[in-house]
């Protein structure tokens, strides 16, 4: 198994990072952008990276949890999730996303997502105008298509989601045509008159290619292993090494997200350098990390600061240990002990 050693300025190795593939010829998973539906809780606003695919005369889905419609479950992963409803006026909600690479016709794939029924979701009925509770069980339908929001082929559908506990649902699909866009749609139970119901979604997986006969996953998996720092000097060395590995995509201006297995054998979908920083810093509860993002022509400093914050929080770093902000004029005159490659970010532990 190959290892990459990074030596820090104090002269010792603080990081052990293994990125191993099972076989270079195997396909990598197709990652969804913001697969955990992370965003600030909001009404009638899909989470970032997902676009609305419902009727234009109706309101888009919501980002939960908030208490506008009643107090509901906490997120299964991260700090937020997607909420969609069906209505008694024969309208329903859906979101979509263009895939980073298409599903190929005739090939077999697997996709999973955690689903739950709302505990309470009070909103006016479209037919009567009176307050109703959108908690009746509904289904998730998964569509594939070409253009944005195209529902050319139904790929899979869940059974009625009755439990208010987060439950993992796994779907195996084999498209008849190439799929460039994926649509997640809330829908009524079969053969039912339109009614008010709701569905929560969180922690969607990548799309894995399967062997169509054995139904086994065909994938290359990277395993991330690092040595936990034992003192503040080693912690700073680890953070410095990871900030040097932090990059922004030149086209999208966004952080890269990878699929990997952590040291405990758990599959993860995150930015690896920030995930490693979050794991290491959690053992130093008395210390805080400040990251400053300067202006850069290739990306928005504010958007990058928000992305870094979301990734570190989703990786389990307590908010009280973190401060991320955009740079101000006086920051350029300061000496920052920790820096990203080409001055992408400046940082300190204090």
C-alpha atoms as a PDB file:
ATOM      1  CA  UNK A   1       0.000   0.000   0.000  1.00  0.00           C
ATOM      2  CA  UNK A   2       1.587   3.325  -1.029  1.00  0.00           C
ATOM      3  CA  UNK A   3       2.033   6.050   1.558  1.00  0.00           C
ATOM      4  CA  UNK A   4       2.696   9.748   1.201  1.00  0.00           C
ATOM      5  CA  UNK A   5       4.826  11.301   3.920  1.00  0.00           C
ATOM      6  CA  UNK A   6       4.829  15.063   4.404  1.00  0.00           C
ATOM      7  CA  UNK A   7       7.652  16.539   6.411  1.00  0.00           C
ATOM      8  CA  UNK A   8       7.037  19.743   8.343  1.00  0.00           C
ATOM      9  CA  UNK A   9       9.350  22.600   9.191  1.00  0.00           C
ATOM     10  CA  UNK A  10      10.173  21.168  12.635  1.00  0.00           C
ATOM     11  CA  UNK A  11      11.810  18.165  11.029  1.00  0.00           C
ATOM     12  CA  UNK A  12       9.437  15.308  11.813  1.00  0.00           C
ATOM     13  CA  UNK A  13       6.652  13.501  10.028  1.00  0.00           C
ATOM     14  CA  UNK A  14       3.257  14.618  11.301  1.00  0.00           C
ATOM     15  CA  UNK A  15       1.021  13.122   8.649  1.00  0.00           C
ATOM     16  CA  UNK A  16       0.442   9.683   7.236  1.00  0.00           C
ATOM     17  CA  UNK A  17      -1.994   9.807   4.354  1.00  0.00           C
ATOM     18  CA  UNK A  18      -2.825   6.758   2.282  1.00  0.00           C
ATOM     19  CA  UNK A  19      -4.829   7.152  -0.898  1.00  0.00           C
ATOM     20  CA  UNK A  20      -5.081   3.632  -2.248  1.00  0.00           C
ATOM     21  CA  UNK A  21      -7.146   2.381  -5.151  1.00  0.00           C
ATOM     22  CA  UNK A  22      -8.348  -1.188  -5.359  1.00  0.00           C
ATOM     23  CA  UNK A  23      -7.650  -1.205  -9.080  1.00  0.00           C
ATOM     24  CA  UNK A  24      -6.877   1.648 -11.377  1.00  0.00           C
ATOM     25  CA  UNK A  25      -9.149   0.245 -14.099  1.00  0.00           C
ATOM     26  CA  UNK A  26     -12.216   0.278 -11.853  1.00  0.00           C
ATOM     27  CA  UNK A  27     -14.655   3.177 -12.121  1.00  0.00           C
ATOM     28  CA  UNK A  28     -14.818   5.804  -9.418  1.00  0.00           C
ATOM     29  CA  UNK A  29     -18.188   6.667  -7.864  1.00  0.00           C
ATOM     30  CA  UNK A  30     -20.199   9.482  -9.423  1.00  0.00           C
ATOM     31  CA  UNK A  31     -20.365  12.115  -6.691  1.00  0.00           C
ATOM     32  CA  UNK A  32     -23.379  14.337  -6.177  1.00  0.00           C
ATOM     33  CA  UNK A  33     -22.668  17.938  -5.286  1.00  0.00           C
ATOM     34  CA  UNK A  34     -23.928  18.760  -1.774  1.00  0.00           C
ATOM     35  CA  UNK A  35     -25.217  15.215  -1.359  1.00  0.00           C
ATOM     36  CA  UNK A  36     -26.118  15.895   2.266  1.00  0.00           C
ATOM     37  CA  UNK A  37     -28.293  18.914   1.351  1.00  0.00           C
ATOM     38  CA  UNK A  38     -26.303  21.269   3.566  1.00  0.00           C
ATOM     39  CA  UNK A  39     -27.390  24.903   3.645  1.00  0.00           C
ATOM     40  CA  UNK A  40     -28.836  27.518   5.948  1.00  0.00           C
ATOM     41  CA  UNK A  41     -32.387  26.501   6.913  1.00  0.00           C
ATOM     42  CA  UNK A  42     -34.786  28.327   4.602  1.00  0.00           C
ATOM     43  CA  UNK A  43     -38.353  28.219   3.368  1.00  0.00           C
ATOM     44  CA  UNK A  44     -39.119  27.725  -0.341  1.00  0.00           C
ATOM     45  CA  UNK A  45     -35.436  27.552  -1.266  1.00  0.00           C
ATOM     46  CA  UNK A  46     -33.701  24.329  -2.343  1.00  0.00           C
ATOM     47  CA  UNK A  47     -30.263  23.619  -0.861  1.00  0.00           C
ATOM     48  CA  UNK A  48     -27.253  24.869  -2.788  1.00  0.00           C
ATOM     49  CA  UNK A  49     -26.271  22.833  -5.881  1.00  0.00           C
ATOM     50  CA  UNK A  50     -29.870  21.590  -6.314  1.00  0.00           C
ATOM     51  CA  UNK A  51     -32.409  23.324  -8.555  1.00  0.00           C
ATOM     52  CA  UNK A  52     -36.190  23.350  -8.310  1.00  0.00           C
ATOM     53  CA  UNK A  53     -38.041  21.025 -10.680  1.00  0.00           C
ATOM     54  CA  UNK A  54     -41.630  21.574  -9.589  1.00  0.00           C
ATOM     55  CA  UNK A  55     -44.483  23.615 -11.092  1.00  0.00           C
ATOM     56  CA  UNK A  56     -43.589  27.316 -11.430  1.00  0.00           C
ATOM     57  CA  UNK A  57     -46.815  28.447  -9.775  1.00  0.00           C
ATOM     58  CA  UNK A  58     -45.920  26.585  -6.558  1.00  0.00           C
ATOM     59  CA  UNK A  59     -43.264  27.141  -3.901  1.00  0.00           C
ATOM     60  CA  UNK A  60     -39.960  25.176  -3.994  1.00  0.00           C
ATOM     61  CA  UNK A  61     -38.876  22.713  -1.257  1.00  0.00           C
ATOM     62  CA  UNK A  62     -37.392  23.780   2.062  1.00  0.00           C
ATOM     63  CA  UNK A  63     -34.101  23.316   3.899  1.00  0.00           C
ATOM     64  CA  UNK A  64     -34.722  21.980   7.402  1.00  0.00           C
ATOM     65  CA  UNK A  65     -34.587  21.904  10.362  1.00  0.00           C
ATOM     66  CA  UNK A  66     -36.413  25.023  11.386  1.00  0.00           C
ATOM     67  CA  UNK A  67     -39.600  25.469  13.390  1.00  0.00           C
ATOM     68  CA  UNK A  68     -41.723  27.379  10.866  1.00  0.00           C
ATOM     69  CA  UNK A  69     -43.885  24.295  10.228  1.00  0.00           C
ATOM     70  CA  UNK A  70     -43.280  22.733  13.662  1.00  0.00           C
ATOM     71  CA  UNK A  71     -40.280  21.212  15.447  1.00  0.00           C
ATOM     72  CA  UNK A  72     -38.882  18.258  13.513  1.00  0.00           C
ATOM     73  CA  UNK A  73     -35.997  15.799  13.476  1.00  0.00           C
ATOM     74  CA  UNK A  74     -32.361  16.758  13.589  1.00  0.00           C
ATOM     75  CA  UNK A  75     -30.304  16.023  10.485  1.00  0.00           C
ATOM     76  CA  UNK A  76     -29.022  12.495  10.022  1.00  0.00           C
ATOM     77  CA  UNK A  77     -25.726  13.892   8.672  1.00  0.00           C
ATOM     78  CA  UNK A  78     -24.315  17.389   8.947  1.00  0.00           C
ATOM     79  CA  UNK A  79     -26.699  20.076  10.102  1.00  0.00           C
ATOM     80  CA  UNK A  80     -29.481  20.313   7.497  1.00  0.00           C
ATOM     81  CA  UNK A  81     -31.609  18.272   5.111  1.00  0.00           C
ATOM     82  CA  UNK A  82     -34.130  18.576   2.270  1.00  0.00           C
ATOM     83  CA  UNK A  83     -37.891  18.676   2.908  1.00  0.00           C
ATOM     84  CA  UNK A  84     -40.395  18.057   0.094  1.00  0.00           C
ATOM     85  CA  UNK A  85     -44.182  17.765   0.055  1.00  0.00           C
ATOM     86  CA  UNK A  86     -47.104  16.657  -2.084  1.00  0.00           C
ATOM     87  CA  UNK A  87     -50.304  18.710  -2.016  1.00  0.00           C
ATOM     88  CA  UNK A  88     -54.033  18.147  -2.218  1.00  0.00           C
ATOM     89  CA  UNK A  89     -54.228  20.282  -5.396  1.00  0.00           C
ATOM     90  CA  UNK A  90     -52.298  17.638  -7.400  1.00  0.00           C
ATOM     91  CA  UNK A  91     -48.908  19.377  -7.245  1.00  0.00           C
ATOM     92  CA  UNK A  92     -45.688  17.991  -5.797  1.00  0.00           C
ATOM     93  CA  UNK A  93     -42.109  19.070  -5.240  1.00  0.00           C
ATOM     94  CA  UNK A  94     -38.881  17.922  -6.857  1.00  0.00           C
ATOM     95  CA  UNK A  95     -35.221  18.946  -7.124  1.00  0.00           C
ATOM     96  CA  UNK A  96     -32.591  18.113  -9.716  1.00  0.00           C
ATOM     97  CA  UNK A  97     -28.885  18.185 -10.403  1.00  0.00           C
ATOM     98  CA  UNK A  98     -26.695  17.711 -13.470  1.00  0.00           C
ATOM     99  CA  UNK A  99     -24.407  14.739 -12.922  1.00  0.00           C
ATOM    100  CA  UNK A 100     -20.648  15.226 -13.041  1.00  0.00           C
ATOM    101  CA  UNK A 101     -20.545  12.286 -15.445  1.00  0.00           C
ATOM    102  CA  UNK A 102     -23.495  10.531 -17.091  1.00  0.00           C
ATOM    103  CA  UNK A 103     -25.043   7.174 -16.295  1.00  0.00           C
ATOM    104  CA  UNK A 104     -24.505   5.009 -19.351  1.00  0.00           C
ATOM    105  CA  UNK A 105     -27.450   3.194 -20.918  1.00  0.00           C
ATOM    106  CA  UNK A 106     -27.504  -0.514 -20.113  1.00  0.00           C
ATOM    107  CA  UNK A 107     -25.036  -0.331 -17.232  1.00  0.00           C
ATOM    108  CA  UNK A 108     -26.116  -1.053 -13.649  1.00  0.00           C
ATOM    109  CA  UNK A 109     -25.837   1.375 -10.750  1.00  0.00           C
ATOM    110  CA  UNK A 110     -26.655   1.708  -7.063  1.00  0.00           C
ATOM    111  CA  UNK A 111     -27.716   4.811  -5.153  1.00  0.00           C
ATOM    112  CA  UNK A 112     -28.886   5.292  -1.563  1.00  0.00           C
ATOM    113  CA  UNK A 113     -30.381   8.083   0.516  1.00  0.00           C
ATOM    114  CA  UNK A 114     -31.732   8.429   4.050  1.00  0.00           C
ATOM    115  CA  UNK A 115     -35.465   9.172   4.216  1.00  0.00           C
ATOM    116  CA  UNK A 116     -37.904  10.013   7.009  1.00  0.00           C
ATOM    117  CA  UNK A 117     -41.516  11.116   7.407  1.00  0.00           C
ATOM    118  CA  UNK A 118     -42.050  14.473   9.176  1.00  0.00           C
ATOM    119  CA  UNK A 119     -43.132  14.400  12.805  1.00  0.00           C
ATOM    120  CA  UNK A 120     -45.096  17.593  12.166  1.00  0.00           C
ATOM    121  CA  UNK A 121     -45.344  19.835   9.110  1.00  0.00           C
ATOM    122  CA  UNK A 122     -48.186  22.300   9.426  1.00  0.00           C
ATOM    123  CA  UNK A 123     -49.093  24.479   6.449  1.00  0.00           C
ATOM    124  CA  UNK A 124     -52.331  25.663   4.811  1.00  0.00           C
ATOM    125  CA  UNK A 125     -54.145  23.314   2.461  1.00  0.00           C
ATOM    126  CA  UNK A 126     -54.132  24.515  -1.149  1.00  0.00           C
ATOM    127  CA  UNK A 127     -57.746  23.405  -1.558  1.00  0.00           C
ATOM    128  CA  UNK A 128     -59.389  24.623   1.665  1.00  0.00           C
ATOM    129  CA  UNK A 129     -57.008  27.307   2.928  1.00  0.00           C
ATOM    130  CA  UNK A 130     -57.190  25.793   6.409  1.00  0.00           C
ATOM    131  CA  UNK A 131     -54.129  24.603   8.325  1.00  0.00           C
ATOM    132  CA  UNK A 132     -53.258  20.976   7.628  1.00  0.00           C
ATOM    133  CA  UNK A 133     -50.485  18.627   8.717  1.00  0.00           C
ATOM    134  CA  UNK A 134     -48.350  17.396   5.805  1.00  0.00           C
ATOM    135  CA  UNK A 135     -47.275  14.145   7.481  1.00  0.00           C
ATOM    136  CA  UNK A 136     -49.041  11.440   5.477  1.00  0.00           C
ATOM    137  CA  UNK A 137     -46.571   8.933   4.004  1.00  0.00           C
ATOM    138  CA  UNK A 138     -45.418   9.500   0.454  1.00  0.00           C
ATOM    139  CA  UNK A 139     -42.810   7.995  -1.908  1.00  0.00           C
ATOM    140  CA  UNK A 140     -39.561   9.157  -3.457  1.00  0.00           C
ATOM    141  CA  UNK A 141     -39.297   8.797  -7.228  1.00  0.00           C
ATOM    142  CA  UNK A 142     -35.941   9.053  -9.010  1.00  0.00           C
ATOM    143  CA  UNK A 143     -35.945  10.235 -12.619  1.00  0.00           C
ATOM    144  CA  UNK A 144     -33.233  10.425 -15.236  1.00  0.00           C
ATOM    145  CA  UNK A 145     -33.056  12.691 -18.248  1.00  0.00           C
ATOM    146  CA  UNK A 146     -31.016  14.926 -20.476  1.00  0.00           C
ATOM    147  CA  UNK A 147     -31.753  18.646 -20.022  1.00  0.00           C
ATOM    148  CA  UNK A 148     -32.400  20.379 -16.712  1.00  0.00           C
ATOM    149  CA  UNK A 149     -35.352  18.819 -14.818  1.00  0.00           C
ATOM    150  CA  UNK A 150     -36.004  16.376 -17.675  1.00  0.00           C
ATOM    151  CA  UNK A 151     -38.092  13.381 -16.528  1.00  0.00           C
ATOM    152  CA  UNK A 152     -37.421  11.108 -19.462  1.00  0.00           C
ATOM    153  CA  UNK A 153     -37.137   7.835 -17.570  1.00  0.00           C
ATOM    154  CA  UNK A 154     -38.185   6.793 -14.074  1.00  0.00           C
ATOM    155  CA  UNK A 155     -35.192   4.980 -12.633  1.00  0.00           C
ATOM    156  CA  UNK A 156     -36.513   3.890  -9.216  1.00  0.00           C
ATOM    157  CA  UNK A 157     -39.160   4.558  -6.587  1.00  0.00           C
ATOM    158  CA  UNK A 158     -39.248   3.967  -2.840  1.00  0.00           C
ATOM    159  CA  UNK A 159     -42.023   2.242  -0.929  1.00  0.00           C
ATOM    160  CA  UNK A 160     -44.183   4.525   1.263  1.00  0.00           C
ATOM    161  CA  UNK A 161     -41.922   6.231   3.822  1.00  0.00           C
ATOM    162  CA  UNK A 162     -43.817   5.738   7.082  1.00  0.00           C
ATOM    163  CA  UNK A 163     -41.165   5.984   9.794  1.00  0.00           C
ATOM    164  CA  UNK A 164     -40.142   9.281  11.392  1.00  0.00           C
ATOM    165  CA  UNK A 165     -36.705   7.749  12.077  1.00  0.00           C
ATOM    166  CA  UNK A 166     -34.015   8.201   9.444  1.00  0.00           C
ATOM    167  CA  UNK A 167     -33.873   5.032   7.355  1.00  0.00           C
ATOM    168  CA  UNK A 168     -31.468   4.176   4.542  1.00  0.00           C
ATOM    169  CA  UNK A 169     -33.119   3.298   1.220  1.00  0.00           C
ATOM    170  CA  UNK A 170     -30.999   1.696  -1.507  1.00  0.00           C
ATOM    171  CA  UNK A 171     -31.961   1.655  -5.186  1.00  0.00           C
ATOM    172  CA  UNK A 172     -30.485  -0.349  -8.051  1.00  0.00           C
ATOM    173  CA  UNK A 173     -31.026   1.160 -11.470  1.00  0.00           C
ATOM    174  CA  UNK A 174     -30.291   0.342 -15.093  1.00  0.00           C
ATOM    175  CA  UNK A 175     -31.148   3.215 -17.457  1.00  0.00           C
ATOM    176  CA  UNK A 176     -32.368   2.612 -21.002  1.00  0.00           C
ATOM    177  CA  UNK A 177     -30.792   5.897 -22.154  1.00  0.00           C
ATOM    178  CA  UNK A 178     -27.769   7.888 -21.020  1.00  0.00           C
ATOM    179  CA  UNK A 179     -28.670  10.024 -17.993  1.00  0.00           C
ATOM    180  CA  UNK A 180     -27.137  13.479 -17.579  1.00  0.00           C
ATOM    181  CA  UNK A 181     -29.579  14.924 -15.041  1.00  0.00           C
ATOM    182  CA  UNK A 182     -31.014  13.314 -11.923  1.00  0.00           C
ATOM    183  CA  UNK A 183     -34.368  14.396 -10.445  1.00  0.00           C
ATOM    184  CA  UNK A 184     -35.528  13.511  -6.901  1.00  0.00           C
ATOM    185  CA  UNK A 185     -39.310  13.819  -6.698  1.00  0.00           C
ATOM    186  CA  UNK A 186     -41.845  13.535  -3.890  1.00  0.00           C
ATOM    187  CA  UNK A 187     -44.979  11.669  -5.007  1.00  0.00           C
ATOM    188  CA  UNK A 188     -48.235  10.227  -3.728  1.00  0.00           C
ATOM    189  CA  UNK A 189     -48.840   6.604  -2.846  1.00  0.00           C
ATOM    190  CA  UNK A 190     -50.091   4.647  -5.854  1.00  0.00           C
ATOM    191  CA  UNK A 191     -53.791   4.925  -6.699  1.00  0.00           C
ATOM    192  CA  UNK A 192     -54.472   7.618  -4.109  1.00  0.00           C
ATOM    193  CA  UNK A 193     -56.483  10.815  -4.493  1.00  0.00           C
ATOM    194  CA  UNK A 194     -54.106  13.803  -4.104  1.00  0.00           C
ATOM    195  CA  UNK A 195     -53.465  14.593  -0.437  1.00  0.00           C
ATOM    196  CA  UNK A 196     -51.038  16.533   1.788  1.00  0.00           C
ATOM    197  CA  UNK A 197     -47.918  14.585   2.727  1.00  0.00           C
ATOM    198  CA  UNK A 198     -44.213  15.125   3.388  1.00  0.00           C
ATOM    199  CA  UNK A 199     -40.783  13.579   3.038  1.00  0.00           C
ATOM    200  CA  UNK A 200     -37.323  14.408   4.411  1.00  0.00           C
ATOM    201  CA  UNK A 201     -34.089  13.474   2.586  1.00  0.00           C
ATOM    202  CA  UNK A 202     -30.500  13.453   3.860  1.00  0.00           C
ATOM    203  CA  UNK A 203     -27.053  11.943   3.235  1.00  0.00           C
ATOM    204  CA  UNK A 204     -27.412  10.770  -0.363  1.00  0.00           C
ATOM    205  CA  UNK A 205     -24.645   8.462  -1.496  1.00  0.00           C
ATOM    206  CA  UNK A 206     -22.566   8.676  -4.657  1.00  0.00           C
ATOM    207  CA  UNK A 207     -23.859   6.662  -7.604  1.00  0.00           C
ATOM    208  CA  UNK A 208     -21.885   3.400  -7.761  1.00  0.00           C
ATOM    209  CA  UNK A 209     -21.547   1.274 -10.863  1.00  0.00           C
ATOM    210  CA  UNK A 210     -22.424  -2.400 -10.369  1.00  0.00           C
ATOM    211  CA  UNK A 211     -21.580  -5.589 -12.146  1.00  0.00           C
ATOM    212  CA  UNK A 212     -24.953  -6.349 -13.727  1.00  0.00           C
ATOM    213  CA  UNK A 213     -24.672 -10.090 -13.022  1.00  0.00           C
ATOM    214  CA  UNK A 214     -23.177 -10.253  -9.534  1.00  0.00           C
ATOM    215  CA  UNK A 215     -24.637  -6.899  -8.414  1.00  0.00           C
ATOM    216  CA  UNK A 216     -21.295  -6.143  -6.732  1.00  0.00           C
ATOM    217  CA  UNK A 217     -19.919  -2.610  -6.749  1.00  0.00           C
ATOM    218  CA  UNK A 218     -17.217  -1.788  -9.264  1.00  0.00           C
ATOM    219  CA  UNK A 219     -15.247   0.996  -7.679  1.00  0.00           C
ATOM    220  CA  UNK A 220     -11.871   2.343  -6.747  1.00  0.00           C
ATOM    221  CA  UNK A 221     -11.752   3.309  -3.074  1.00  0.00           C
ATOM    222  CA  UNK A 222      -9.254   5.609  -1.444  1.00  0.00           C
ATOM    223  CA  UNK A 223      -8.426   5.069   2.199  1.00  0.00           C
ATOM    224  CA  UNK A 224      -7.382   8.045   4.309  1.00  0.00           C
ATOM    225  CA  UNK A 225      -5.181   7.332   7.321  1.00  0.00           C
ATOM    226  CA  UNK A 226      -3.394   9.939   9.419  1.00  0.00           C
ATOM    227  CA  UNK A 227      -1.425   9.894  12.650  1.00  0.00           C
ATOM    228  CA  UNK A 228      -3.188  11.827  15.402  1.00  0.00           C
ATOM    229  CA  UNK A 229      -1.007  14.738  16.657  1.00  0.00           C
ATOM    230  CA  UNK A 230       0.170  14.447  20.267  1.00  0.00           C
ATOM    231  CA  UNK A 231       1.008  18.126  20.852  1.00  0.00           C
ATOM    232  CA  UNK A 232       0.306  21.565  19.443  1.00  0.00           C
ATOM    233  CA  UNK A 233       3.431  21.605  17.252  1.00  0.00           C
ATOM    234  CA  UNK A 234       2.356  18.383  15.557  1.00  0.00           C
ATOM    235  CA  UNK A 235      -1.181  19.731  15.188  1.00  0.00           C
ATOM    236  CA  UNK A 236       0.105  22.855  13.436  1.00  0.00           C
ATOM    237  CA  UNK A 237       2.284  20.718  11.185  1.00  0.00           C
ATOM    238  CA  UNK A 238      -0.697  18.578  10.194  1.00  0.00           C
ATOM    239  CA  UNK A 239      -2.883  21.610   9.514  1.00  0.00           C
ATOM    240  CA  UNK A 240      -0.137  23.226   7.437  1.00  0.00           C
ATOM    241  CA  UNK A 241       0.279  20.071   5.353  1.00  0.00           C
ATOM    242  CA  UNK A 242      -3.457  19.829   4.741  1.00  0.00           C
ATOM    243  CA  UNK A 243      -3.832  23.513   3.853  1.00  0.00           C
ATOM    244  CA  UNK A 244      -1.070  23.032   1.281  1.00  0.00           C
ATOM    245  CA  UNK A 245      -3.140  20.193  -0.206  1.00  0.00           C
ATOM    246  CA  UNK A 246      -6.313  22.298  -0.305  1.00  0.00           C
ATOM    247  CA  UNK A 247      -7.238  23.320  -3.854  1.00  0.00           C
ATOM    248  CA  UNK A 248     -10.090  25.012  -5.684  1.00  0.00           C
ATOM    249  CA  UNK A 249     -11.387  23.809  -9.029  1.00  0.00           C
ATOM    250  CA  UNK A 250     -10.300  26.281 -11.710  1.00  0.00           C
ATOM    251  CA  UNK A 251     -13.612  25.958 -13.563  1.00  0.00           C
ATOM    252  CA  UNK A 252     -16.221  25.964 -10.791  1.00  0.00           C
ATOM    253  CA  UNK A 253     -14.245  27.916  -8.176  1.00  0.00           C
ATOM    254  CA  UNK A 254     -15.351  25.339  -5.582  1.00  0.00           C
ATOM    255  CA  UNK A 255     -13.600  22.921  -3.257  1.00  0.00           C
ATOM    256  CA  UNK A 256     -13.129  19.391  -4.522  1.00  0.00           C
ATOM    257  CA  UNK A 257     -15.151  16.627  -2.834  1.00  0.00           C
ATOM    258  CA  UNK A 258     -13.850  13.058  -2.684  1.00  0.00           C
ATOM    259  CA  UNK A 259     -15.286   9.661  -1.789  1.00  0.00           C
ATOM    260  CA  UNK A 260     -13.048   7.739   0.606  1.00  0.00           C
ATOM    261  CA  UNK A 261     -12.891   5.321   3.529  1.00  0.00           C
ATOM    262  CA  UNK A 262     -11.781   6.678   6.898  1.00  0.00           C
ATOM    263  CA  UNK A 263      -9.448   4.854   9.360  1.00  0.00           C
ATOM    264  CA  UNK A 264     -12.475   3.106  10.925  1.00  0.00           C
ATOM    265  CA  UNK A 265     -13.639   1.706   7.579  1.00  0.00           C
ATOM    266  CA  UNK A 266     -16.549   4.155   7.255  1.00  0.00           C
ATOM    267  CA  UNK A 267     -17.313   5.533   3.805  1.00  0.00           C
ATOM    268  CA  UNK A 268     -17.142   9.319   3.605  1.00  0.00           C
ATOM    269  CA  UNK A 269     -17.863  11.997   1.028  1.00  0.00           C
ATOM    270  CA  UNK A 270     -16.008  15.190   1.895  1.00  0.00           C
ATOM    271  CA  UNK A 271     -13.052  17.416   1.154  1.00  0.00           C
ATOM    272  CA  UNK A 272     -10.180  15.252   2.436  1.00  0.00           C
ATOM    273  CA  UNK A 273      -7.779  17.978   3.715  1.00  0.00           C
ATOM    274  CA  UNK A 274     -10.524  19.728   5.690  1.00  0.00           C
ATOM    275  CA  UNK A 275     -11.887  16.418   6.982  1.00  0.00           C
ATOM    276  CA  UNK A 276      -8.433  15.479   8.308  1.00  0.00           C
ATOM    277  CA  UNK A 277      -8.058  18.896   9.973  1.00  0.00           C
ATOM    278  CA  UNK A 278     -11.447  18.531  11.663  1.00  0.00           C
ATOM    279  CA  UNK A 279     -10.629  15.062  13.014  1.00  0.00           C
ATOM    280  CA  UNK A 280      -7.270  16.149  14.384  1.00  0.00           C
ATOM    281  CA  UNK A 281      -8.487  19.375  15.973  1.00  0.00           C
ATOM    282  CA  UNK A 282     -11.310  17.649  17.857  1.00  0.00           C
ATOM    283  CA  UNK A 283      -8.702  16.149  20.205  1.00  0.00           C
ATOM    284  CA  UNK A 284      -7.480  19.664  21.130  1.00  0.00           C
ATOM    285  CA  UNK A 285     -10.682  21.071  22.604  1.00  0.00           C
ATOM    286  CA  UNK A 286      -8.935  24.053  24.237  1.00  0.00           C
ATOM    287  CA  UNK A 287      -7.607  25.294  20.894  1.00  0.00           C
ATOM    288  CA  UNK A 288      -9.357  27.177  18.094  1.00  0.00           C
ATOM    289  CA  UNK A 289      -8.662  27.438  14.388  1.00  0.00           C
ATOM    290  CA  UNK A 290      -8.962  30.719  12.526  1.00  0.00           C
ATOM    291  CA  UNK A 291      -8.944  30.620   8.724  1.00  0.00           C
ATOM    292  CA  UNK A 292      -8.849  33.784   6.639  1.00  0.00           C
ATOM    293  CA  UNK A 293      -9.672  33.733   2.928  1.00  0.00           C
ATOM    294  CA  UNK A 294      -8.092  36.550   0.858  1.00  0.00           C
ATOM    295  CA  UNK A 295      -9.450  37.827  -2.452  1.00  0.00           C
ATOM    296  CA  UNK A 296      -8.516  35.773  -5.494  1.00  0.00           C
ATOM    297  CA  UNK A 297      -9.344  36.252  -9.190  1.00  0.00           C
ATOM    298  CA  UNK A 298     -10.413  32.614  -9.699  1.00  0.00           C
ATOM    299  CA  UNK A 299     -13.091  32.406  -7.000  1.00  0.00           C
ATOM    300  CA  UNK A 300     -15.238  34.316  -4.527  1.00  0.00           C
ATOM    301  CA  UNK A 301     -13.543  34.694  -1.146  1.00  0.00           C
ATOM    302  CA  UNK A 302     -16.918  34.802   0.600  1.00  0.00           C
ATOM    303  CA  UNK A 303     -18.165  31.642  -1.109  1.00  0.00           C
ATOM    304  CA  UNK A 304     -14.928  29.800  -0.354  1.00  0.00           C
ATOM    305  CA  UNK A 305     -15.107  30.862   3.303  1.00  0.00           C
ATOM    306  CA  UNK A 306     -18.663  29.528   3.476  1.00  0.00           C
ATOM    307  CA  UNK A 307     -17.621  26.256   1.838  1.00  0.00           C
ATOM    308  CA  UNK A 308     -14.721  25.783   4.256  1.00  0.00           C
ATOM    309  CA  UNK A 309     -17.040  26.440   7.196  1.00  0.00           C
ATOM    310  CA  UNK A 310     -19.619  23.940   5.965  1.00  0.00           C
ATOM    311  CA  UNK A 311     -17.036  21.225   5.327  1.00  0.00           C
ATOM    312  CA  UNK A 312     -15.377  21.573   8.747  1.00  0.00           C
ATOM    313  CA  UNK A 313     -18.694  21.613  10.610  1.00  0.00           C
ATOM    314  CA  UNK A 314     -20.015  18.646   8.618  1.00  0.00           C
ATOM    315  CA  UNK A 315     -16.805  16.768   9.512  1.00  0.00           C
ATOM    316  CA  UNK A 316     -17.689  17.139  13.187  1.00  0.00           C
ATOM    317  CA  UNK A 317     -15.618  20.139  14.279  1.00  0.00           C
ATOM    318  CA  UNK A 318     -17.530  22.079  16.962  1.00  0.00           C
ATOM    319  CA  UNK A 319     -18.409  25.616  15.918  1.00  0.00           C
ATOM    320  CA  UNK A 320     -16.816  26.997  19.089  1.00  0.00           C
ATOM    321  CA  UNK A 321     -13.418  25.813  17.815  1.00  0.00           C
ATOM    322  CA  UNK A 322     -13.733  27.487  14.425  1.00  0.00           C
ATOM    323  CA  UNK A 323     -13.625  30.961  12.933  1.00  0.00           C
ATOM    324  CA  UNK A 324     -13.600  31.408   9.147  1.00  0.00           C
ATOM    325  CA  UNK A 325     -13.829  34.830   7.515  1.00  0.00           C
ATOM    326  CA  UNK A 326     -12.783  36.818   4.484  1.00  0.00           C
ATOM    327  CA  UNK A 327      -9.630  38.914   4.687  1.00  0.00           C
ATOM    328  CA  UNK A 328      -9.568  42.587   5.596  1.00  0.00           C
ATOM    329  CA  UNK A 329      -6.813  45.092   4.822  1.00  0.00           C
ATOM    330  CA  UNK A 330      -4.894  44.643   8.083  1.00  0.00           C
ATOM    331  CA  UNK A 331      -4.659  40.854   7.542  1.00  0.00           C
ATOM    332  CA  UNK A 332      -2.172  41.402   4.700  1.00  0.00           C
ATOM    333  CA  UNK A 333       0.278  43.015   7.127  1.00  0.00           C
ATOM    334  CA  UNK A 334       0.133  40.151   9.624  1.00  0.00           C
ATOM    335  CA  UNK A 335       2.401  37.118   9.640  1.00  0.00           C
ATOM    336  CA  UNK A 336       0.297  33.990   9.359  1.00  0.00           C
ATOM    337  CA  UNK A 337       2.038  30.842  10.677  1.00  0.00           C
ATOM    338  CA  UNK A 338      -0.099  28.562   8.517  1.00  0.00           C
ATOM    339  CA  UNK A 339      -0.852  29.138   4.836  1.00  0.00           C
ATOM    340  CA  UNK A 340      -2.427  27.343   1.926  1.00  0.00           C
ATOM    341  CA  UNK A 341      -0.746  26.809  -1.411  1.00  0.00           C
ATOM    342  CA  UNK A 342      -0.242  30.086  -3.330  1.00  0.00           C
ATOM    343  CA  UNK A 343      -1.800  31.991  -0.448  1.00  0.00           C
ATOM    344  CA  UNK A 344      -5.217  30.372  -0.945  1.00  0.00           C
ATOM    345  CA  UNK A 345      -5.932  30.719   2.792  1.00  0.00           C
ATOM    346  CA  UNK A 346      -4.152  32.029   5.872  1.00  0.00           C
ATOM    347  CA  UNK A 347      -4.601  30.421   9.275  1.00  0.00           C
ATOM    348  CA  UNK A 348      -3.551  30.181  12.882  1.00  0.00           C
ATOM    349  CA  UNK A 349      -4.254  27.973  15.885  1.00  0.00           C
ATOM    350  CA  UNK A 350      -4.797  29.851  19.141  1.00  0.00           C
END
